[in-house]
Amino acid sequence: MAVRTERVETGELQLGMYVSELDRAWIETPFPLQGFHIKTHQDIEQLRAWCQYVYVDRQLSTGKLDPLPAVAAPARPRVRGGIGKFTPVKYEISQTLKQEVVSATLYHREVTRAVVHLLNDLRAEKGLNLRVARKAAAVMVHSILRNPDAMVWLARIKDCDSYGYAHSIRASILATVFGRHIGLPQEVLENLATGVLLMDVGKTRLARSMLASTELFGPAEHAVMREHVNHGVELLQHCGGVNDQMLAVVQYHHERHDGSGYPFGLKGGEIPLLARIAGIVDTYDAMTSDRPWAPARTATEAVSELYELRDSGFQSALVEQFIQAVGVYPTGTAVELSNGEKGIVVAQNATRRLRPQVMVIRDACGNTLERPHIVDLMSVQRDAEDRPLAVAGCIRAGSEKLDLVNLQINAV
């Protein structure tokens, strides 16, 4: 059977080609569809600005296409950092959310200070202090093992001045919650959390003007940005105490299940498990955060897009497990209930992810409650009018001024 799709460098694109895949996740680009025909030279220029190569579907392409030059596949590295076979650990919640939030607030502050310290040292060319990163990761893991909702809550409500370090902290928390859900041993969880905290440290070697830019990158800028992976690996290799699992997260978190990632184009099981987890949480947090070229998606929109990326960008089974781990309405998500009340998800129900615990902040008329209260949708099935009660949907960021920072979890 003839090969249906082929990798094409963007410098070789032609009118009539049908682009079926990009060299990155669709959500990282301004392209609205997962697959489209190249109709104009402007389409080609935009693809060149965002991608180094794409995948073209021959059967869906139109017109007579010129023969394409052969493209050499990138060299495969000797991949390390696997975790081998393990017996999943069944973790139990040992602290109530109310209890754990007290401790987790201090830990979150400690982790934030540690990451800011690390990045400032790197920008000052003082080297990477791995001990600080590992200590920060350990306290985070310990809190999440006791009760995963507390750290997720804090990650959502705490405002940070820099997307860069806030993103690494949120992603590390999500990765640990995910790893806890699938039963990774504690030592592996700490390696995963450390690796995700450090996965973008290579960006400290890039020009600040590039990191702060709100303009679309051209091919040259994209090539420079992608070098942050190699910079990060180099930084880790020059400090003591790094193990292969941490290094794998940094080196392979931009690889994708179908081989469309970078820097090596690894596929499927070639990508170490911890790096696959890191890729999912990195993408999810980026989708749910405001970026210059794309507003933040709601949690349900992000989950839906991840689901569409099953077996292309990410392994299907892992995507499904991630959704089970964080829920369709993750902790810290602003939601509207079916009775018109509005609030914040404060905890998950492990057996019914569509029925979380919600702190109601506003009544159905839009009035802010003096004393917010928590509704556990597992036990409260109907509202005061005896109508079925459920989450109607997420509230888009910025559309409702719900003051999350000053909320206290005092009714759990």
Protein backbone atom coordinates (compact mmCIF):
# COMPACT_ATOMS: atom_id res chain seq x y z
CA MET A 1 0.00 0.00 0.00
CA ALA A 2 1.35 3.44 -0.93
CA VAL A 3 2.33 5.83 1.83
CA ARG A 4 -0.51 8.26 2.33
CA THR A 5 1.25 11.02 4.30
CA GLU A 6 4.76 12.35 4.05
CA ARG A 7 6.84 14.83 5.95
CA VAL A 8 7.47 18.02 3.99
CA GLU A 9 9.82 20.83 4.97
CA THR A 10 7.92 24.13 4.90
CA GLY A 11 10.37 25.46 2.32
CA GLU A 12 9.01 22.79 -0.08
CA LEU A 13 5.28 23.47 0.39
CA GLN A 14 3.10 23.85 -2.70
CA LEU A 15 -0.39 25.12 -3.43
CA GLY A 16 -2.97 22.34 -3.31
CA MET A 17 -1.23 20.34 -0.60
CA TYR A 18 -3.41 19.11 2.25
CA VAL A 19 -1.69 19.66 5.59
CA SER A 20 -2.84 16.88 7.90
CA GLU A 21 -0.37 17.38 10.78
CA LEU A 22 2.08 19.99 12.03
CA ASP A 23 5.46 19.58 13.72
CA ARG A 24 3.82 20.76 16.95
CA ALA A 25 0.44 20.62 18.64
CA TRP A 26 -2.28 22.47 16.72
CA ILE A 27 -3.17 24.37 19.89
CA GLU A 28 0.28 25.98 19.90
CA THR A 29 -0.48 27.72 16.59
CA PRO A 30 -3.11 30.10 15.20
CA PHE A 31 -4.38 27.53 12.67
CA PRO A 32 -8.07 26.94 13.39
CA LEU A 33 -8.49 23.44 11.95
CA GLN A 34 -6.81 20.08 12.29
CA GLY A 35 -6.16 19.73 8.59
CA PHE A 36 -6.54 22.17 5.69
CA HIS A 37 -5.67 22.76 2.03
CA ILE A 38 -2.96 25.27 1.14
CA LYS A 39 -4.89 27.69 -1.05
CA THR A 40 -2.68 30.80 -1.16
CA HIS A 41 0.96 31.80 -0.90
CA GLN A 42 0.00 33.55 2.34
CA ASP A 43 -0.93 30.14 3.77
CA ILE A 44 2.56 28.92 2.89
CA GLU A 45 4.22 31.94 4.50
CA GLN A 46 2.22 31.49 7.69
CA LEU A 47 3.15 27.82 7.88
CA ARG A 48 6.82 28.73 7.39
CA ALA A 49 6.53 31.24 10.22
CA TRP A 50 5.27 28.59 12.63
CA CYS A 51 6.70 25.26 11.50
CA GLN A 52 9.89 23.73 10.19
CA TYR A 53 8.01 20.84 8.62
CA VAL A 54 4.46 19.50 8.27
CA TYR A 55 2.82 16.25 7.17
CA VAL A 56 0.98 16.29 3.86
CA ASP A 57 -1.82 13.87 2.94
CA ARG A 58 -1.26 12.87 -0.69
CA GLN A 59 -4.76 11.53 -1.27
CA LEU A 60 -6.47 14.68 -0.06
CA SER A 61 -4.12 17.06 -1.90
CA THR A 62 -5.39 18.65 -5.12
CA GLY A 63 -3.69 19.56 -8.38
CA LYS A 64 -0.43 18.23 -9.79
CA LEU A 65 2.37 18.38 -7.23
CA ASP A 66 6.05 18.53 -8.11
CA PRO A 67 8.26 15.67 -6.86
CA LEU A 68 9.64 16.33 -3.38
CA PRO A 69 13.24 15.87 -2.24
CA ALA A 70 13.89 13.13 0.30
CA VAL A 71 14.08 14.34 3.90
CA ALA A 72 16.49 12.65 6.24
CA ALA A 73 15.05 11.66 9.59
CA PRO A 74 16.74 13.20 12.64
CA ALA A 75 19.32 11.02 14.37
CA ARG A 76 17.89 8.89 17.20
CA PRO A 77 19.56 9.29 20.58
CA ARG A 78 20.20 6.54 23.08
CA VAL A 79 17.09 7.12 25.16
CA ARG A 80 17.38 6.73 28.92
CA GLY A 81 15.14 7.66 31.81
CA GLY A 82 12.60 4.85 31.77
CA ILE A 83 11.13 3.66 35.05
CA GLY A 84 10.82 -0.04 34.21
CA LYS A 85 8.05 -2.23 35.53
CA PHE A 86 6.45 -1.19 38.79
CA THR A 87 3.55 -2.20 40.98
CA PRO A 88 1.14 0.76 41.12
CA VAL A 89 0.93 2.29 44.58
CA LYS A 90 -2.58 2.92 45.91
CA TYR A 91 -2.39 6.25 47.71
CA GLU A 92 -5.06 7.21 50.23
CA ILE A 93 -6.11 10.72 51.19
CA SER A 94 -4.76 11.21 54.71
CA GLN A 95 -5.67 14.87 55.26
CA THR A 96 -8.88 16.77 54.66
CA LEU A 97 -8.69 19.57 52.13
CA LYS A 98 -9.18 22.16 54.87
CA GLN A 99 -6.24 20.73 56.84
CA GLU A 100 -3.91 20.30 53.87
CA VAL A 101 -4.52 23.78 52.45
CA VAL A 102 -2.97 25.27 55.59
CA SER A 103 0.28 23.35 55.05
CA ALA A 104 0.16 23.53 51.27
CA THR A 105 -0.05 27.34 51.35
CA LEU A 106 3.35 27.45 53.04
CA TYR A 107 4.75 24.82 50.68
CA HIS A 108 3.48 26.63 47.59
CA ARG A 109 5.16 29.82 48.79
CA GLU A 110 8.38 27.88 49.41
CA VAL A 111 8.28 26.29 45.94
CA THR A 112 7.65 29.66 44.29
CA ARG A 113 10.59 31.26 46.10
CA ALA A 114 12.80 28.31 45.16
CA VAL A 115 11.94 28.47 41.46
CA VAL A 116 12.42 32.24 41.30
CA HIS A 117 15.79 31.81 43.06
CA LEU A 118 16.82 29.09 40.59
CA LEU A 119 15.92 31.15 37.54
CA ASN A 120 17.59 34.31 38.86
CA ASP A 121 20.79 32.35 39.55
CA LEU A 122 20.75 30.89 36.05
CA ARG A 123 20.22 34.28 34.43
CA ALA A 124 23.18 35.54 36.48
CA GLU A 125 25.19 32.55 35.17
CA LYS A 126 25.66 31.11 38.67
CA GLY A 127 24.72 27.59 37.60
CA LEU A 128 21.82 25.32 38.51
CA ASN A 129 21.29 24.52 42.18
CA LEU A 130 19.66 21.11 41.91
CA ARG A 131 19.42 20.70 45.69
CA VAL A 132 16.99 23.61 45.85
CA ALA A 133 14.87 22.16 43.04
CA ARG A 134 14.76 18.70 44.60
CA LYS A 135 13.78 20.05 48.02
CA ALA A 136 10.98 22.13 46.48
CA ALA A 137 9.73 19.11 44.52
CA ALA A 138 9.80 16.89 47.61
CA VAL A 139 7.60 19.14 49.75
CA MET A 140 5.18 19.47 46.84
CA VAL A 141 4.99 15.70 46.39
CA HIS A 142 4.44 15.07 50.10
CA SER A 143 1.50 17.48 50.15
CA ILE A 144 -0.06 16.00 47.01
CA LEU A 145 0.24 12.48 48.39
CA ARG A 146 -1.74 13.54 51.47
CA ASN A 147 -4.43 15.39 49.46
CA PRO A 148 -3.96 16.31 45.78
CA ASP A 149 -6.70 18.96 45.70
CA ALA A 150 -4.90 21.42 48.00
CA MET A 151 -1.91 22.10 45.75
CA VAL A 152 -4.06 22.16 42.61
CA TRP A 153 -6.32 24.72 44.29
CA LEU A 154 -3.36 26.93 45.22
CA ALA A 155 -1.83 26.62 41.74
CA ARG A 156 -5.07 27.95 40.24
CA ILE A 157 -5.71 30.85 42.63
CA LYS A 158 -2.22 32.21 43.20
CA ASP A 159 -1.30 35.09 40.91
CA CYS A 160 2.31 35.11 39.73
CA ASP A 161 4.08 37.92 37.93
CA SER A 162 5.82 35.66 35.44
CA TYR A 163 4.09 33.10 33.24
CA GLY A 164 7.41 31.27 32.96
CA TYR A 165 7.90 30.21 36.56
CA ALA A 166 4.16 30.04 37.32
CA HIS A 167 3.79 27.64 34.41
CA SER A 168 6.58 25.37 35.63
CA ILE A 169 5.04 25.21 39.12
CA ARG A 170 1.52 24.50 37.86
CA ALA A 171 2.79 21.90 35.42
CA SER A 172 4.85 20.20 38.14
CA ILE A 173 1.80 20.05 40.42
CA LEU A 174 -0.35 18.61 37.64
CA ALA A 175 2.32 16.06 36.74
CA THR A 176 2.56 14.90 40.35
CA VAL A 177 -1.23 14.63 40.68
CA PHE A 178 -1.24 12.63 37.43
CA GLY A 179 1.61 10.40 38.61
CA ARG A 180 -0.12 9.82 41.95
CA HIS A 181 -3.28 8.81 40.11
CA ILE A 182 -1.50 6.11 38.10
CA GLY A 183 0.37 4.89 41.18
CA LEU A 184 3.98 5.90 40.48
CA PRO A 185 6.29 5.17 43.44
CA GLN A 186 7.15 8.20 45.59
CA GLU A 187 10.79 8.31 44.47
CA VAL A 188 9.68 8.41 40.83
CA LEU A 189 7.11 11.12 41.64
CA GLU A 190 9.87 13.27 43.12
CA ASN A 191 12.03 12.79 40.01
CA LEU A 192 9.03 13.69 37.82
CA ALA A 193 8.18 16.79 39.87
CA THR A 194 11.82 17.95 39.80
CA GLY A 195 12.13 17.37 36.06
CA VAL A 196 8.96 19.32 35.26
CA LEU A 197 10.03 22.21 37.50
CA LEU A 198 13.24 22.35 35.44
CA MET A 199 11.96 21.45 31.97
CA ASP A 200 12.17 25.02 30.68
CA VAL A 201 15.34 26.19 32.46
CA GLY A 202 17.09 26.28 29.09
CA LYS A 203 15.02 29.36 28.25
CA THR A 204 17.19 31.34 30.67
CA ARG A 205 19.86 31.18 27.97
CA LEU A 206 17.59 32.84 25.43
CA ALA A 207 17.26 36.59 24.98
CA ARG A 208 14.66 38.10 27.31
CA SER A 209 13.31 40.08 24.38
CA MET A 210 12.44 36.80 22.66
CA LEU A 211 10.69 35.40 25.74
CA ALA A 212 8.70 38.62 26.17
CA SER A 213 7.81 38.96 22.49
CA THR A 214 4.14 39.10 21.52
CA GLU A 215 4.91 38.83 17.81
CA LEU A 216 4.59 35.66 15.75
CA PHE A 217 7.94 33.92 15.39
CA GLY A 218 9.43 33.21 12.00
CA PRO A 219 11.37 30.00 11.20
CA ALA A 220 14.63 31.43 12.55
CA GLU A 221 13.06 32.43 15.87
CA HIS A 222 11.36 29.03 16.18
CA ALA A 223 14.69 27.30 15.65
CA VAL A 224 16.26 29.41 18.39
CA MET A 225 13.37 28.77 20.78
CA ARG A 226 13.59 25.02 20.27
CA GLU A 227 17.19 25.15 21.40
CA HIS A 228 15.94 25.66 24.97
CA VAL A 229 15.72 21.87 25.22
CA ASN A 230 19.42 21.39 24.45
CA HIS A 231 20.33 24.30 26.74
CA GLY A 232 18.33 22.73 29.55
CA VAL A 233 19.98 19.34 29.11
CA GLU A 234 23.41 20.96 29.15
CA LEU A 235 22.61 22.87 32.35
CA LEU A 236 21.47 19.69 34.10
CA GLN A 237 24.45 17.67 32.91
CA HIS A 238 26.81 20.20 34.49
CA CYS A 239 25.41 19.92 38.00
CA GLY A 240 25.70 16.99 40.36
CA GLY A 241 22.85 14.78 41.51
CA VAL A 242 20.87 14.62 38.29
CA ASN A 243 19.47 11.21 37.37
CA ASP A 244 18.25 9.87 34.04
CA GLN A 245 14.56 10.27 34.90
CA MET A 246 14.89 14.01 35.57
CA LEU A 247 17.01 14.43 32.48
CA ALA A 248 14.49 12.54 30.34
CA VAL A 249 11.72 14.97 31.30
CA VAL A 250 13.81 17.95 30.23
CA GLN A 251 15.14 16.33 27.05
CA TYR A 252 12.00 14.68 25.69
CA HIS A 253 8.96 16.67 26.93
CA HIS A 254 8.43 18.14 23.46
CA GLU A 255 8.46 14.75 21.71
CA ARG A 256 5.04 13.60 20.49
CA HIS A 257 3.37 10.21 20.18
CA ASP A 258 3.20 10.30 16.36
CA GLY A 259 6.81 11.44 15.90
CA SER A 260 5.92 15.06 15.16
CA GLY A 261 7.77 16.45 18.19
CA TYR A 262 11.33 17.64 18.71
CA PRO A 263 14.28 17.52 19.00
CA PHE A 264 14.52 13.85 17.87
CA GLY A 265 11.10 12.96 16.44
CA LEU A 266 10.68 10.03 18.86
CA LYS A 267 7.48 8.01 18.63
CA GLY A 268 5.20 6.18 21.06
CA GLY A 269 7.08 3.99 23.49
CA GLU A 270 10.42 5.48 22.44
CA ILE A 271 9.48 8.44 24.64
CA PRO A 272 10.06 7.74 28.36
CA LEU A 273 6.85 7.65 30.40
CA LEU A 274 7.77 10.64 32.58
CA ALA A 275 8.43 12.75 29.47
CA ARG A 276 5.05 11.70 28.02
CA ILE A 277 3.39 12.84 31.24
CA ALA A 278 5.34 16.11 31.14
CA GLY A 279 4.25 16.75 27.54
CA ILE A 280 0.57 16.38 28.44
CA VAL A 281 0.65 18.66 31.49
CA ASP A 282 2.83 21.21 29.69
CA THR A 283 0.31 21.41 26.86
CA TYR A 284 -2.74 21.44 29.16
CA ASP A 285 -1.41 24.28 31.30
CA ALA A 286 -0.44 26.27 28.21
CA MET A 287 -3.95 25.84 26.81
CA THR A 288 -5.59 27.05 30.03
CA SER A 289 -3.30 30.11 30.30
CA ASP A 290 -3.42 33.38 28.38
CA ARG A 291 -0.75 33.62 25.67
CA PRO A 292 -0.08 36.48 23.23
CA TRP A 293 -1.61 34.60 20.27
CA ALA A 294 -4.41 32.74 22.07
CA PRO A 295 -6.71 33.46 25.03
CA ALA A 296 -6.96 30.87 27.79
CA ARG A 297 -9.29 27.99 27.08
CA THR A 298 -11.69 26.76 29.73
CA ALA A 299 -10.87 23.49 31.45
CA THR A 300 -13.54 21.65 29.48
CA GLU A 301 -12.28 23.08 26.18
CA ALA A 302 -8.71 22.07 27.04
CA VAL A 303 -9.79 18.55 28.01
CA SER A 304 -11.75 18.27 24.77
CA GLU A 305 -8.73 19.34 22.70
CA LEU A 306 -6.44 16.93 24.52
CA TYR A 307 -8.96 14.20 23.82
CA GLU A 308 -8.81 15.05 20.12
CA LEU A 309 -5.03 14.67 20.26
CA ARG A 310 -5.21 11.03 21.37
CA ASP A 311 -2.85 8.82 19.39
CA SER A 312 -1.52 11.80 17.47
CA GLY A 313 0.13 14.20 19.87
CA PHE A 314 -0.26 12.01 22.92
CA GLN A 315 -0.80 8.39 23.87
CA SER A 316 -4.53 7.69 24.11
CA ALA A 317 -4.40 5.77 27.38
CA LEU A 318 -2.38 8.51 29.08
CA VAL A 319 -4.74 11.26 27.92
CA GLU A 320 -7.69 9.34 29.35
CA GLN A 321 -5.87 8.75 32.63
CA PHE A 322 -4.94 12.43 32.85
CA ILE A 323 -8.57 13.44 32.45
CA GLN A 324 -9.51 11.00 35.19
CA ALA A 325 -6.75 12.41 37.41
CA VAL A 326 -7.66 16.10 37.20
CA GLY A 327 -11.34 15.84 36.31
CA VAL A 328 -13.35 17.56 33.62
CA TYR A 329 -13.74 20.42 36.08
CA PRO A 330 -10.34 20.60 37.84
CA THR A 331 -9.96 22.01 41.32
CA GLY A 332 -9.85 25.81 41.14
CA THR A 333 -12.09 26.01 38.07
CA ALA A 334 -14.86 28.63 38.06
CA VAL A 335 -18.18 27.01 37.15
CA GLU A 336 -21.87 27.75 36.86
CA LEU A 337 -24.37 25.28 38.29
CA SER A 338 -27.59 24.27 36.57
CA ASN A 339 -29.59 26.46 38.99
CA GLY A 340 -27.64 29.58 37.98
CA GLU A 341 -25.39 29.74 41.03
CA LYS A 342 -21.69 30.36 40.41
CA GLY A 343 -18.67 29.12 42.30
CA ILE A 344 -15.30 27.42 42.35
CA VAL A 345 -14.51 23.71 42.29
CA VAL A 346 -12.67 22.99 45.54
CA ALA A 347 -12.34 19.21 45.44
CA GLN A 348 -12.83 16.20 43.19
CA ASN A 349 -14.94 13.12 43.79
CA ALA A 350 -12.72 10.27 42.65
CA THR A 351 -15.56 8.03 41.48
CA ARG A 352 -17.66 10.75 39.80
CA ARG A 353 -15.47 13.36 38.15
CA LEU A 354 -18.49 15.22 36.75
CA ARG A 355 -19.83 15.81 40.27
CA PRO A 356 -17.13 17.71 42.20
CA GLN A 357 -17.42 19.79 45.36
CA VAL A 358 -18.20 23.42 44.52
CA MET A 359 -17.85 26.48 46.74
CA VAL A 360 -20.86 28.64 45.80
CA ILE A 361 -19.89 32.33 45.73
CA ARG A 362 -22.85 33.90 43.91
CA ASP A 363 -26.53 33.15 43.96
CA ALA A 364 -28.67 32.68 40.86
CA CYS A 365 -29.31 36.44 40.70
CA GLY A 366 -25.61 37.22 40.59
CA ASN A 367 -25.36 38.51 44.17
CA THR A 368 -22.11 37.74 45.98
CA LEU A 369 -22.76 35.67 49.09
CA GLU A 370 -21.48 37.00 52.41
CA ARG A 371 -20.75 33.44 53.49
CA PRO A 372 -19.87 31.13 50.59
CA HIS A 373 -20.88 27.54 51.15
CA ILE A 374 -19.79 24.24 49.66
CA VAL A 375 -22.09 21.95 47.71
CA ASP A 376 -20.94 18.36 47.28
CA LEU A 377 -22.63 17.28 44.05
CA MET A 378 -22.11 13.63 44.97
CA SER A 379 -24.53 13.95 47.87
CA VAL A 380 -26.65 16.90 46.69
CA GLN A 381 -28.46 15.69 43.59
CA ARG A 382 -31.27 18.27 43.42
CA ASP A 383 -31.59 22.01 44.09
CA ALA A 384 -34.02 23.87 46.35
CA GLU A 385 -36.68 23.72 43.62
CA ASP A 386 -36.26 19.92 43.39
CA ARG A 387 -34.65 20.17 39.96
CA PRO A 388 -31.60 18.07 39.03
CA LEU A 389 -28.44 19.88 40.14
CA ALA A 390 -25.17 19.60 38.21
CA VAL A 391 -22.33 21.65 36.76
CA ALA A 392 -23.69 23.46 33.70
CA GLY A 393 -20.26 24.48 32.44
CA CYS A 394 -17.03 26.38 33.05
CA ILE A 395 -16.91 30.15 33.33
CA ARG A 396 -14.41 31.66 30.91
CA ALA A 397 -11.54 33.55 32.53
CA GLY A 398 -12.24 37.28 32.71
CA SER A 399 -15.97 36.98 32.05
CA GLU A 400 -16.78 36.84 35.77
CA LYS A 401 -14.89 38.72 38.45
CA LEU A 402 -14.77 35.93 40.99
CA ASP A 403 -12.23 36.82 43.67
CA LEU A 404 -10.30 33.59 44.06
CA VAL A 405 -7.25 34.90 45.87
CA ASN A 406 -9.09 35.92 49.02
CA LEU A 407 -11.25 32.82 49.25
CA GLN A 408 -10.73 30.59 52.23
CA ILE A 409 -11.57 26.91 52.24
CA ASN A 410 -13.28 26.87 55.58
CA ALA A 411 -16.37 24.80 55.00
CA VAL A 412 -14.93 21.50 53.85
